[in-house]
Every structure is written in C-alpha cells, then in structure tokens.
Amino acid sequence: MASDQPQNSPKKRLDNYIRYSSMGLQMGATIFLMTWAGVKLDEYLQLKFPAFTLFLALFSVAGVMYYFIKQISKKM
C-alpha cells in the first residue's frame, strides 16, 4: 500500500526522527532501570559479587537490541 507522502518529504523525515529518538530514550531508560534494580537487589541480598546487576544489565541490553532490530526490520 502506497504512503500518502513522498519518500523524502519533510514530514516523513520528522516522523522518522521522532520515532528513532524516542526509541533511543526508551532503550536508555530500560537499561538504566534494569541495572538500577540489579544494584538494589544485590544490596538487599548483601551479595559480594554483583550477580543481579550483571545479569539484569546484560538481559536489558539484549532485550532492547532485540526490540530495536525488530522495529528496524519492520520498517524495511
């Protein structure tokens, strides 16, 4: 189905800019919150090795990368 706007119209570029910048903010917020939750959980359990911090940080990065790739491939 063809779009109403040309491929390089100013509105189309602005829409892409807004979508990708909001996606970046969501990714950063997700990684921050999951890492913060890992730190708090490690402090609560009084662990010497930051196991939950590492796990939640890596899990959140993998999750947001999956989400980002899924959104980008949907566009193509």
PDB file of N, CA and C in Angstrom:
ATOM      1  N   MET A   1       0.837  -1.167   0.000  1.00  0.00           N
ATOM      2  CA  MET A   1       0.000   0.000   0.000  1.00  0.00           C
ATOM      3  C   MET A   1       0.888   1.238   0.000  1.00  0.00           C
ATOM      4  N   ALA A   2       0.639   2.155  -0.881  1.00  0.00           N
ATOM      5  CA  ALA A   2       1.474   3.341  -1.028  1.00  0.00           C
ATOM      6  C   ALA A   2       1.157   4.351   0.072  1.00  0.00           C
ATOM      7  N   SER A   3       2.190   5.058   0.483  1.00  0.00           N
ATOM      8  CA  SER A   3       2.040   6.083   1.503  1.00  0.00           C
ATOM      9  C   SER A   3       1.498   7.354   0.872  1.00  0.00           C
ATOM     10  N   ASP A   4       0.838   8.179   1.680  1.00  0.00           N
ATOM     11  CA  ASP A   4       0.288   9.435   1.177  1.00  0.00           C
ATOM     12  C   ASP A   4       1.378  10.457   0.888  1.00  0.00           C
ATOM     13  N   GLN A   5       2.512  10.335   1.540  1.00  0.00           N
ATOM     14  CA  GLN A   5       3.579  11.316   1.424  1.00  0.00           C
ATOM     15  C   GLN A   5       4.738  10.743   0.618  1.00  0.00           C
ATOM     16  N   PRO A   6       5.438  11.620  -0.089  1.00  0.00           N
ATOM     17  CA  PRO A   6       6.637  11.163  -0.804  1.00  0.00           C
ATOM     18  C   PRO A   6       7.694  10.652   0.172  1.00  0.00           C
ATOM     19  N   GLN A   7       8.610   9.849  -0.345  1.00  0.00           N
ATOM     20  CA  GLN A   7       9.633   9.197   0.480  1.00  0.00           C
ATOM     21  C   GLN A   7      10.475  10.192   1.276  1.00  0.00           C
ATOM     22  N   ASN A   8      10.853  11.320   0.685  1.00  0.00           N
ATOM     23  CA  ASN A   8      11.768  12.258   1.347  1.00  0.00           C
ATOM     24  C   ASN A   8      11.085  13.562   1.760  1.00  0.00           C
ATOM     25  N   SER A   9       9.807  13.537   2.026  1.00  0.00           N
ATOM     26  CA  SER A   9       9.123  14.759   2.423  1.00  0.00           C
ATOM     27  C   SER A   9       9.595  15.176   3.817  1.00  0.00           C
ATOM     28  N   PRO A  10       9.532  16.479   4.113  1.00  0.00           N
ATOM     29  CA  PRO A  10       9.972  16.947   5.443  1.00  0.00           C
ATOM     30  C   PRO A  10       9.190  16.307   6.586  1.00  0.00           C
ATOM     31  N   LYS A  11       7.895  16.084   6.410  1.00  0.00           N
ATOM     32  CA  LYS A  11       7.100  15.460   7.466  1.00  0.00           C
ATOM     33  C   LYS A  11       7.528  14.020   7.690  1.00  0.00           C
ATOM     34  N   LYS A  12       7.835  13.304   6.640  1.00  0.00           N
ATOM     35  CA  LYS A  12       8.272  11.913   6.752  1.00  0.00           C
ATOM     36  C   LYS A  12       9.607  11.842   7.497  1.00  0.00           C
ATOM     37  N   ARG A  13      10.533  12.755   7.182  1.00  0.00           N
ATOM     38  CA  ARG A  13      11.825  12.781   7.884  1.00  0.00           C
ATOM     39  C   ARG A  13      11.646  13.135   9.343  1.00  0.00           C
ATOM     40  N   LEU A  14      10.742  14.064   9.653  1.00  0.00           N
ATOM     41  CA  LEU A  14      10.484  14.443  11.036  1.00  0.00           C
ATOM     42  C   LEU A  14       9.860  13.271  11.802  1.00  0.00           C
ATOM     43  N   ASP A  15       8.946  12.564  11.178  1.00  0.00           N
ATOM     44  CA  ASP A  15       8.343  11.388  11.813  1.00  0.00           C
ATOM     45  C   ASP A  15       9.406  10.345  12.143  1.00  0.00           C
ATOM     46  N   ASN A  16      10.324  10.091  11.215  1.00  0.00           N
ATOM     47  CA  ASN A  16      11.400   9.130  11.462  1.00  0.00           C
ATOM     48  C   ASN A  16      12.309   9.605  12.589  1.00  0.00           C
ATOM     49  N   TYR A  17      12.624  10.894  12.596  1.00  0.00           N
ATOM     50  CA  TYR A  17      13.482  11.456  13.646  1.00  0.00           C
ATOM     51  C   TYR A  17      12.835  11.274  15.022  1.00  0.00           C
ATOM     52  N   ILE A  18      11.563  11.586  15.111  1.00  0.00           N
ATOM     53  CA  ILE A  18      10.853  11.458  16.389  1.00  0.00           C
ATOM     54  C   ILE A  18      10.780  10.001  16.823  1.00  0.00           C
ATOM     55  N   ARG A  19      10.490   9.094  15.886  1.00  0.00           N
ATOM     56  CA  ARG A  19      10.370   7.676  16.236  1.00  0.00           C
ATOM     57  C   ARG A  19      11.695   7.120  16.740  1.00  0.00           C
ATOM     58  N   TYR A  20      12.794   7.424  16.041  1.00  0.00           N
ATOM     59  CA  TYR A  20      14.075   6.849  16.435  1.00  0.00           C
ATOM     60  C   TYR A  20      14.648   7.510  17.683  1.00  0.00           C
ATOM     61  N   SER A  21      14.391   8.793  17.881  1.00  0.00           N
ATOM     62  CA  SER A  21      14.877   9.420  19.111  1.00  0.00           C
ATOM     63  C   SER A  21      14.088   8.917  20.317  1.00  0.00           C
ATOM     64  N   SER A  22      12.799   8.708  20.170  1.00  0.00           N
ATOM     65  CA  SER A  22      12.027   8.167  21.287  1.00  0.00           C
ATOM     66  C   SER A  22      12.425   6.718  21.562  1.00  0.00           C
ATOM     67  N   MET A  23      12.775   5.982  20.515  1.00  0.00           N
ATOM     68  CA  MET A  23      13.231   4.611  20.703  1.00  0.00           C
ATOM     69  C   MET A  23      14.545   4.601  21.493  1.00  0.00           C
ATOM     70  N   GLY A  24      15.426   5.531  21.204  1.00  0.00           N
ATOM     71  CA  GLY A  24      16.687   5.635  21.944  1.00  0.00           C
ATOM     72  C   GLY A  24      16.470   5.969  23.409  1.00  0.00           C
ATOM     73  N   LEU A  25      15.520   6.871  23.670  1.00  0.00           N
ATOM     74  CA  LEU A  25      15.213   7.210  25.058  1.00  0.00           C
ATOM     75  C   LEU A  25      14.620   6.012  25.807  1.00  0.00           C
ATOM     76  N   GLN A  26      13.763   5.263  25.136  1.00  0.00           N
ATOM     77  CA  GLN A  26      13.190   4.069  25.758  1.00  0.00           C
ATOM     78  C   GLN A  26      14.265   3.040  26.049  1.00  0.00           C
ATOM     79  N   MET A  27      15.184   2.868  25.121  1.00  0.00           N
ATOM     80  CA  MET A  27      16.263   1.912  25.322  1.00  0.00           C
ATOM     81  C   MET A  27      17.134   2.315  26.507  1.00  0.00           C
ATOM     82  N   GLY A  28      17.505   3.578  26.570  1.00  0.00           N
ATOM     83  CA  GLY A  28      18.335   4.063  27.673  1.00  0.00           C
ATOM     84  C   GLY A  28      17.631   3.931  29.018  1.00  0.00           C
ATOM     85  N   ALA A  29      16.351   4.265  29.048  1.00  0.00           N
ATOM     86  CA  ALA A  29      15.596   4.168  30.294  1.00  0.00           C
ATOM     87  C   ALA A  29      15.463   2.721  30.751  1.00  0.00           C
ATOM     88  N   THR A  30      15.232   1.822  29.812  1.00  0.00           N
ATOM     89  CA  THR A  30      15.101   0.403  30.160  1.00  0.00           C
ATOM     90  C   THR A  30      16.402  -0.144  30.731  1.00  0.00           C
ATOM     91  N   ILE A  31      17.518   0.156  30.072  1.00  0.00           N
ATOM     92  CA  ILE A  31      18.814  -0.325  30.551  1.00  0.00           C
ATOM     93  C   ILE A  31      19.116   0.264  31.930  1.00  0.00           C
ATOM     94  N   PHE A  32      18.857   1.559  32.101  1.00  0.00           N
ATOM     95  CA  PHE A  32      19.108   2.201  33.390  1.00  0.00           C
ATOM     96  C   PHE A  32      18.273   1.572  34.508  1.00  0.00           C
ATOM     97  N   LEU A  33      16.977   1.405  34.269  1.00  0.00           N
ATOM     98  CA  LEU A  33      16.099   0.879  35.318  1.00  0.00           C
ATOM     99  C   LEU A  33      16.428  -0.568  35.679  1.00  0.00           C
ATOM    100  N   MET A  34      16.740  -1.380  34.688  1.00  0.00           N
ATOM    101  CA  MET A  34      17.071  -2.777  34.974  1.00  0.00           C
ATOM    102  C   MET A  34      18.399  -2.874  35.725  1.00  0.00           C
ATOM    103  N   THR A  35      19.375  -2.056  35.354  1.00  0.00           N
ATOM    104  CA  THR A  35      20.658  -2.061  36.050  1.00  0.00           C
ATOM    105  C   THR A  35      20.489  -1.546  37.478  1.00  0.00           C
ATOM    106  N   TRP A  36      19.708  -0.493  37.646  1.00  0.00           N
ATOM    107  CA  TRP A  36      19.437   0.049  38.979  1.00  0.00           C
ATOM    108  C   TRP A  36      18.740  -0.998  39.850  1.00  0.00           C
ATOM    109  N   ALA A  37      17.790  -1.728  39.268  1.00  0.00           N
ATOM    110  CA  ALA A  37      17.103  -2.781  40.015  1.00  0.00           C
ATOM    111  C   ALA A  37      18.088  -3.878  40.429  1.00  0.00           C
ATOM    112  N   GLY A  38      19.040  -4.204  39.549  1.00  0.00           N
ATOM    113  CA  GLY A  38      20.061  -5.198  39.895  1.00  0.00           C
ATOM    114  C   GLY A  38      20.947  -4.735  41.038  1.00  0.00           C
ATOM    115  N   VAL A  39      21.324  -3.466  41.026  1.00  0.00           N
ATOM    116  CA  VAL A  39      22.151  -2.916  42.109  1.00  0.00           C
ATOM    117  C   VAL A  39      21.387  -2.984  43.429  1.00  0.00           C
ATOM    118  N   LYS A  40      20.136  -2.563  43.403  1.00  0.00           N
ATOM    119  CA  LYS A  40      19.329  -2.579  44.632  1.00  0.00           C
ATOM    120  C   LYS A  40      19.115  -4.003  45.138  1.00  0.00           C
ATOM    121  N   LEU A  41      18.909  -4.946  44.230  1.00  0.00           N
ATOM    122  CA  LEU A  41      18.719  -6.337  44.622  1.00  0.00           C
ATOM    123  C   LEU A  41      20.000  -6.920  45.216  1.00  0.00           C
ATOM    124  N   ASP A  42      21.148  -6.586  44.624  1.00  0.00           N
ATOM    125  CA  ASP A  42      22.425  -7.032  45.180  1.00  0.00           C
ATOM    126  C   ASP A  42      22.666  -6.434  46.564  1.00  0.00           C
ATOM    127  N   GLU A  43      22.310  -5.157  46.732  1.00  0.00           N
ATOM    128  CA  GLU A  43      22.462  -4.531  48.048  1.00  0.00           C
ATOM    129  C   GLU A  43      21.527  -5.182  49.069  1.00  0.00           C
ATOM    130  N   TYR A  44      20.296  -5.448  48.671  1.00  0.00           N
ATOM    131  CA  TYR A  44      19.319  -6.045  49.578  1.00  0.00           C
ATOM    132  C   TYR A  44      19.754  -7.445  50.029  1.00  0.00           C
ATOM    133  N   LEU A  45      20.280  -8.228  49.088  1.00  0.00           N
ATOM    134  CA  LEU A  45      20.718  -9.582  49.406  1.00  0.00           C
ATOM    135  C   LEU A  45      22.144  -9.625  49.953  1.00  0.00           C
ATOM    136  N   GLN A  46      22.801  -8.475  49.997  1.00  0.00           N
ATOM    137  CA  GLN A  46      24.164  -8.329  50.509  1.00  0.00           C
ATOM    138  C   GLN A  46      25.139  -9.290  49.820  1.00  0.00           C
ATOM    139  N   LEU A  47      25.088  -9.300  48.498  1.00  0.00           N
ATOM    140  CA  LEU A  47      25.987 -10.149  47.723  1.00  0.00           C
ATOM    141  C   LEU A  47      27.321  -9.446  47.518  1.00  0.00           C
ATOM    142  N   LYS A  48      28.412 -10.194  47.603  1.00  0.00           N
ATOM    143  CA  LYS A  48      29.742  -9.618  47.367  1.00  0.00           C
ATOM    144  C   LYS A  48      30.015  -9.465  45.880  1.00  0.00           C
ATOM    145  N   PHE A  49      29.520 -10.405  45.090  1.00  0.00           N
ATOM    146  CA  PHE A  49      29.665 -10.339  43.634  1.00  0.00           C
ATOM    147  C   PHE A  49      28.360  -9.789  43.049  1.00  0.00           C
ATOM    148  N   PRO A  50      28.417  -8.770  42.188  1.00  0.00           N
ATOM    149  CA  PRO A  50      27.179  -8.137  41.677  1.00  0.00           C
ATOM    150  C   PRO A  50      26.482  -8.984  40.602  1.00  0.00           C
ATOM    151  N   ALA A  51      26.001 -10.141  40.988  1.00  0.00           N
ATOM    152  CA  ALA A  51      25.406 -11.080  40.040  1.00  0.00           C
ATOM    153  C   ALA A  51      24.136 -10.530  39.390  1.00  0.00           C
ATOM    154  N   PHE A  52      23.228  -9.998  40.197  1.00  0.00           N
ATOM    155  CA  PHE A  52      21.971  -9.488  39.638  1.00  0.00           C
ATOM    156  C   PHE A  52      22.204  -8.239  38.804  1.00  0.00           C
ATOM    157  N   THR A  53      23.158  -7.418  39.204  1.00  0.00           N
ATOM    158  CA  THR A  53      23.475  -6.235  38.415  1.00  0.00           C
ATOM    159  C   THR A  53      23.964  -6.641  37.028  1.00  0.00           C
ATOM    160  N   LEU A  54      24.891  -7.562  36.969  1.00  0.00           N
ATOM    161  CA  LEU A  54      25.406  -8.016  35.678  1.00  0.00           C
ATOM    162  C   LEU A  54      24.326  -8.693  34.846  1.00  0.00           C
ATOM    163  N   PHE A  55      23.574  -9.588  35.476  1.00  0.00           N
ATOM    164  CA  PHE A  55      22.545 -10.311  34.733  1.00  0.00           C
ATOM    165  C   PHE A  55      21.483  -9.367  34.184  1.00  0.00           C
ATOM    166  N   LEU A  56      20.953  -8.497  35.022  1.00  0.00           N
ATOM    167  CA  LEU A  56      19.895  -7.596  34.562  1.00  0.00           C
ATOM    168  C   LEU A  56      20.401  -6.578  33.552  1.00  0.00           C
ATOM    169  N   ALA A  57      21.637  -6.123  33.697  1.00  0.00           N
ATOM    170  CA  ALA A  57      22.201  -5.199  32.718  1.00  0.00           C
ATOM    171  C   ALA A  57      22.350  -5.883  31.358  1.00  0.00           C
ATOM    172  N   LEU A  58      22.920  -7.075  31.340  1.00  0.00           N
ATOM    173  CA  LEU A  58      23.092  -7.799  30.074  1.00  0.00           C
ATOM    174  C   LEU A  58      21.747  -8.214  29.480  1.00  0.00           C
ATOM    175  N   PHE A  59      20.820  -8.637  30.327  1.00  0.00           N
ATOM    176  CA  PHE A  59      19.490  -9.024  29.853  1.00  0.00           C
ATOM    177  C   PHE A  59      18.765  -7.828  29.239  1.00  0.00           C
ATOM    178  N   SER A  60      18.887  -6.665  29.856  1.00  0.00           N
ATOM    179  CA  SER A  60      18.211  -5.481  29.322  1.00  0.00           C
ATOM    180  C   SER A  60      18.837  -5.034  28.005  1.00  0.00           C
ATOM    181  N   VAL A  61      20.163  -5.114  27.889  1.00  0.00           N
ATOM    182  CA  VAL A  61      20.814  -4.745  26.625  1.00  0.00           C
ATOM    183  C   VAL A  61      20.375  -5.695  25.518  1.00  0.00           C
ATOM    184  N   ALA A  62      20.349  -6.991  25.807  1.00  0.00           N
ATOM    185  CA  ALA A  62      19.900  -7.960  24.807  1.00  0.00           C
ATOM    186  C   ALA A  62      18.442  -7.717  24.428  1.00  0.00           C
ATOM    187  N   GLY A  63      17.624  -7.404  25.404  1.00  0.00           N
ATOM    188  CA  GLY A  63      16.212  -7.150  25.137  1.00  0.00           C
ATOM    189  C   GLY A  63      15.971  -5.922  24.284  1.00  0.00           C
ATOM    190  N   VAL A  64      16.655  -4.828  24.588  1.00  0.00           N
ATOM    191  CA  VAL A  64      16.447  -3.617  23.799  1.00  0.00           C
ATOM    192  C   VAL A  64      17.055  -3.749  22.402  1.00  0.00           C
ATOM    193  N   MET A  65      18.132  -4.512  22.272  1.00  0.00           N
ATOM    194  CA  MET A  65      18.689  -4.748  20.930  1.00  0.00           C
ATOM    195  C   MET A  65      17.718  -5.578  20.093  1.00  0.00           C
ATOM    196  N   TYR A  66      17.096  -6.584  20.697  1.00  0.00           N
ATOM    197  CA  TYR A  66      16.085  -7.376  20.001  1.00  0.00           C
ATOM    198  C   TYR A  66      14.929  -6.482  19.562  1.00  0.00           C
ATOM    199  N   TYR A  67      14.448  -5.645  20.468  1.00  0.00           N
ATOM    200  CA  TYR A  67      13.349  -4.735  20.158  1.00  0.00           C
ATOM    201  C   TYR A  67      13.733  -3.773  19.038  1.00  0.00           C
ATOM    202  N   PHE A  68      14.938  -3.220  19.098  1.00  0.00           N
ATOM    203  CA  PHE A  68      15.401  -2.270  18.087  1.00  0.00           C
ATOM    204  C   PHE A  68      15.478  -2.944  16.719  1.00  0.00           C
ATOM    205  N   ILE A  69      16.064  -4.122  16.653  1.00  0.00           N
ATOM    206  CA  ILE A  69      16.181  -4.832  15.376  1.00  0.00           C
ATOM    207  C   ILE A  69      14.798  -5.191  14.831  1.00  0.00           C
ATOM    208  N   LYS A  70      13.904  -5.581  15.710  1.00  0.00           N
ATOM    209  CA  LYS A  70      12.549  -5.907  15.294  1.00  0.00           C
ATOM    210  C   LYS A  70      11.853  -4.683  14.706  1.00  0.00           C
ATOM    211  N   GLN A  71      12.026  -3.524  15.325  1.00  0.00           N
ATOM    212  CA  GLN A  71      11.402  -2.303  14.828  1.00  0.00           C
ATOM    213  C   GLN A  71      12.020  -1.837  13.510  1.00  0.00           C
ATOM    214  N   ILE A  72      13.330  -1.964  13.381  1.00  0.00           N
ATOM    215  CA  ILE A  72      14.010  -1.554  12.155  1.00  0.00           C
ATOM    216  C   ILE A  72      13.623  -2.469  10.990  1.00  0.00           C
ATOM    217  N   SER A  73      13.575  -3.775  11.246  1.00  0.00           N
ATOM    218  CA  SER A  73      13.238  -4.707  10.165  1.00  0.00           C
ATOM    219  C   SER A  73      11.782  -4.562   9.750  1.00  0.00           C
ATOM    220  N   LYS A  74      10.928  -4.104  10.640  1.00  0.00           N
ATOM    221  CA  LYS A  74       9.521  -3.845  10.302  1.00  0.00           C
ATOM    222  C   LYS A  74       9.425  -2.701   9.285  1.00  0.00           C
ATOM    223  N   LYS A  75      10.355  -1.747   9.396  1.00  0.00           N
ATOM    224  CA  LYS A  75      10.372  -0.574   8.516  1.00  0.00           C
ATOM    225  C   LYS A  75      10.768  -0.954   7.094  1.00  0.00           C
ATOM    226  N   MET A  76      11.663  -1.930   6.961  1.00  0.00           N
ATOM    227  CA  MET A  76      12.171  -2.306   5.639  1.00  0.00           C
ATOM    228  C   MET A  76      11.245  -3.202   4.947  1.00  0.00           C
TER     229      MET A  76
END
